[in-house]
Protein backbone atom coordinates (compact mmCIF):
# COMPACT_ATOMS: atom_id res chain seq x y z
CA MET A 1 -12.54 -10.88 40.54
CA ASN A 2 -15.08 -11.79 37.86
CA TYR A 3 -15.45 -8.08 37.05
CA ILE A 4 -11.68 -7.70 36.47
CA LEU A 5 -11.65 -10.74 34.19
CA LYS A 6 -14.49 -9.28 32.09
CA ILE A 7 -12.75 -5.90 31.81
CA THR A 8 -9.46 -7.57 30.82
CA SER A 9 -11.20 -9.71 28.20
CA LEU A 10 -12.95 -6.67 26.74
CA CYS A 11 -9.67 -4.75 26.50
CA ILE A 12 -7.94 -7.66 24.74
CA PHE A 13 -10.86 -8.01 22.31
CA LEU A 14 -10.79 -4.30 21.47
CA LEU A 15 -7.03 -4.30 20.93
CA CYS A 16 -7.28 -7.30 18.60
CA ALA A 17 -10.19 -5.79 16.66
CA CYS A 18 -8.32 -2.53 16.15
CA GLY A 19 -5.20 -4.41 15.07
CA GLU A 20 -7.13 -6.35 12.42
CA LYS A 21 -8.58 -3.14 11.00
CA GLU A 22 -5.08 -1.70 10.61
CA LEU A 23 -3.97 -4.82 8.74
CA LEU A 24 -6.38 -4.06 5.90
CA CYS A 25 -3.79 -1.64 4.58
CA GLY A 26 -0.67 -2.91 6.31
CA GLU A 27 1.66 -1.36 8.78
CA LYS A 28 2.29 2.19 9.86
CA GLU A 29 3.84 4.49 7.27
CA LEU A 30 7.18 6.14 8.05
CA PRO A 31 7.67 9.82 7.12
CA SER A 32 9.63 10.68 3.98
CA GLU A 33 12.01 13.58 3.48
CA LYS A 34 11.92 13.32 -0.34
CA CYS A 35 8.27 12.72 -1.22
CA GLN A 36 4.80 13.28 0.26
CA ARG A 37 4.45 9.68 1.47
CA SER A 38 6.49 6.47 1.87
CA VAL A 39 6.00 2.96 0.56
CA ILE A 40 5.41 0.36 3.27
CA VAL A 41 7.37 -2.88 2.91
CA SER A 42 5.34 -5.62 4.56
CA SER A 43 4.51 -9.02 3.09
CA ARG A 44 1.84 -9.47 5.76
CA GLY A 45 0.16 -6.16 4.88
CA PHE A 46 0.57 -6.83 1.15
CA GLU A 47 -1.14 -10.21 1.41
CA LYS A 48 -3.95 -8.92 3.66
CA ALA A 49 -4.75 -5.88 1.49
CA LYS A 50 -8.22 -6.44 0.09
CA ASP A 51 -8.61 -6.61 -3.67
CA ASP A 52 -12.31 -5.70 -3.56
CA ALA A 53 -11.41 -2.05 -2.94
CA GLU A 54 -8.91 -2.07 -5.77
CA PRO A 55 -8.53 1.32 -7.46
CA ARG A 56 -8.26 1.85 -11.19
CA ILE A 57 -4.70 2.99 -11.84
CA ARG A 58 -4.78 5.80 -14.42
CA ASP A 59 -1.12 6.80 -14.63
CA VAL A 60 2.21 5.97 -13.01
CA SER A 61 5.48 7.88 -13.24
CA ILE A 62 8.76 7.95 -11.35
CA ILE A 63 10.70 11.17 -10.82
CA GLY A 64 13.92 10.57 -8.91
CA ASP A 65 12.97 8.31 -5.99
CA CYS A 66 9.29 9.34 -5.96
CA MET A 67 6.56 7.25 -7.59
CA ASN A 68 3.48 9.22 -8.62
CA ILE A 69 0.23 7.26 -8.93
CA GLU A 70 -3.01 8.68 -10.34
CA TYR A 71 -6.07 6.56 -9.58
CA SER A 72 -9.86 6.52 -9.47
CA HIS A 73 -12.17 4.51 -7.28
CA GLY A 74 -15.92 4.03 -7.28
CA GLY A 75 -17.61 4.37 -3.93
CA GLY A 76 -16.16 6.58 -1.30
CA CYS A 77 -17.83 9.76 -0.12
CA LYS A 78 -16.02 9.49 3.21
CA ASP A 79 -12.34 10.32 3.62
CA LEU A 80 -10.23 7.87 1.66
CA LYS A 81 -6.94 6.64 3.11
CA THR A 82 -4.34 5.20 0.77
CA LYS A 83 -1.13 3.30 1.34
CA LEU A 84 1.36 1.84 -1.10
CA LEU A 85 2.35 -1.64 0.04
CA ALA A 86 5.32 -3.66 -1.20
CA SER A 87 5.99 -7.31 -0.66
CA GLU A 88 9.21 -8.06 1.19
CA ASN A 89 10.10 -10.69 -1.41
CA THR A 90 12.34 -9.70 -4.28
CA THR A 91 12.32 -11.84 -7.41
CA GLN A 92 14.54 -11.69 -10.47
CA ASN A 93 13.45 -11.63 -14.08
CA THR A 94 15.28 -13.23 -17.01
CA LEU A 95 17.58 -10.18 -17.28
CA GLU A 96 18.80 -10.76 -13.68
CA MET A 97 17.01 -7.56 -12.63
CA SER A 98 15.32 -7.31 -9.22
CA ARG A 99 11.53 -7.13 -9.24
CA ARG A 100 9.14 -6.01 -6.48
CA ASP A 101 5.36 -6.37 -6.27
CA LEU A 102 3.32 -3.35 -5.16
CA LYS A 103 -0.31 -2.72 -4.31
CA LEU A 104 -2.13 0.58 -3.78
CA CYS A 105 -4.45 -0.06 -0.85
CA LEU A 106 -7.58 1.96 -0.13
CA ASP A 107 -9.46 2.26 3.16
CA GLY A 108 -12.71 4.15 3.43
CA LYS A 109 -15.10 2.31 1.13
CA ASP A 110 -18.74 3.05 1.86
CA ASN A 111 -22.08 2.65 0.08
CA CYS A 112 -21.69 5.91 -1.80
CA GLU A 113 -21.39 5.58 -5.58
CA ALA A 114 -19.28 8.66 -6.22
CA LEU A 115 -16.22 8.34 -8.47
CA VAL A 116 -13.21 9.52 -6.49
CA SER A 117 -9.95 10.47 -8.21
CA GLY A 118 -6.65 11.11 -6.54
CA LYS A 119 -2.92 11.41 -7.00
CA GLU A 120 -0.35 10.21 -4.48
CA GLU A 121 3.44 10.48 -4.35
CA PHE A 122 5.48 7.80 -2.57
CA ASP A 123 9.16 7.53 -1.66
CA ILE A 124 10.35 4.22 -3.13
CA THR A 125 14.02 4.39 -2.11
CA VAL A 126 13.66 1.25 0.06
CA LEU A 127 12.73 -0.76 -3.06
CA ARG A 128 16.17 -0.43 -4.64
CA GLY A 129 17.60 -3.78 -5.60
CA ASP A 130 21.03 -4.88 -6.69
CA GLY A 131 22.39 -3.02 -9.69
CA ASN A 132 21.15 0.27 -11.14
CA SER A 133 17.54 -0.70 -11.91
CA THR A 134 14.58 -2.43 -10.31
CA LEU A 135 11.38 -3.55 -12.01
CA LEU A 136 8.23 -2.66 -10.09
CA ARG A 137 4.97 -4.51 -10.69
CA LEU A 138 2.02 -2.42 -9.47
CA HIS A 139 -1.16 -4.46 -9.01
CA GLY A 140 -3.76 -3.07 -11.45
CA TRP A 141 -1.22 -1.49 -13.82
CA ASN A 142 -0.72 -3.09 -17.24
CA SER A 143 3.10 -3.24 -17.37
CA ASP A 144 6.22 -3.34 -15.25
CA ILE A 145 7.67 0.02 -14.20
CA LEU A 146 11.41 0.57 -14.54
CA TYR A 147 12.92 2.27 -11.49
CA THR A 148 16.44 3.47 -12.34
CA HIS A 149 18.51 4.49 -9.31
């Protein structure tokens, strides 16, 4: 009986530990038919995304419903996993336009000091607000991004 209790406790611990690791960059990403990747809408994931692994955003553009992000990041000789997280909350600016907060999340930081550059494309269709335009605020980018849909 004691053996079964120990095994059960170990399994629960391992499941919780794995779940916490996943929360560093939010929830699972759904496939996109339009773009290479999809944005993940999750306030929990957005809030838990660590800022210490914040990439330097070099360029942002939107073509259709796809947001292209070019970035660099110091430290990361291992495989780098990225996710684009969006808060579930929508705010409005003074022009009555919807605004969403975004964060590019990186997993895979190690002690290596290499400068890693990358470009990712994300389907942002789920970020459409009321009206024809939505302002997107990407953490680490110097201005709002106008998404016309």
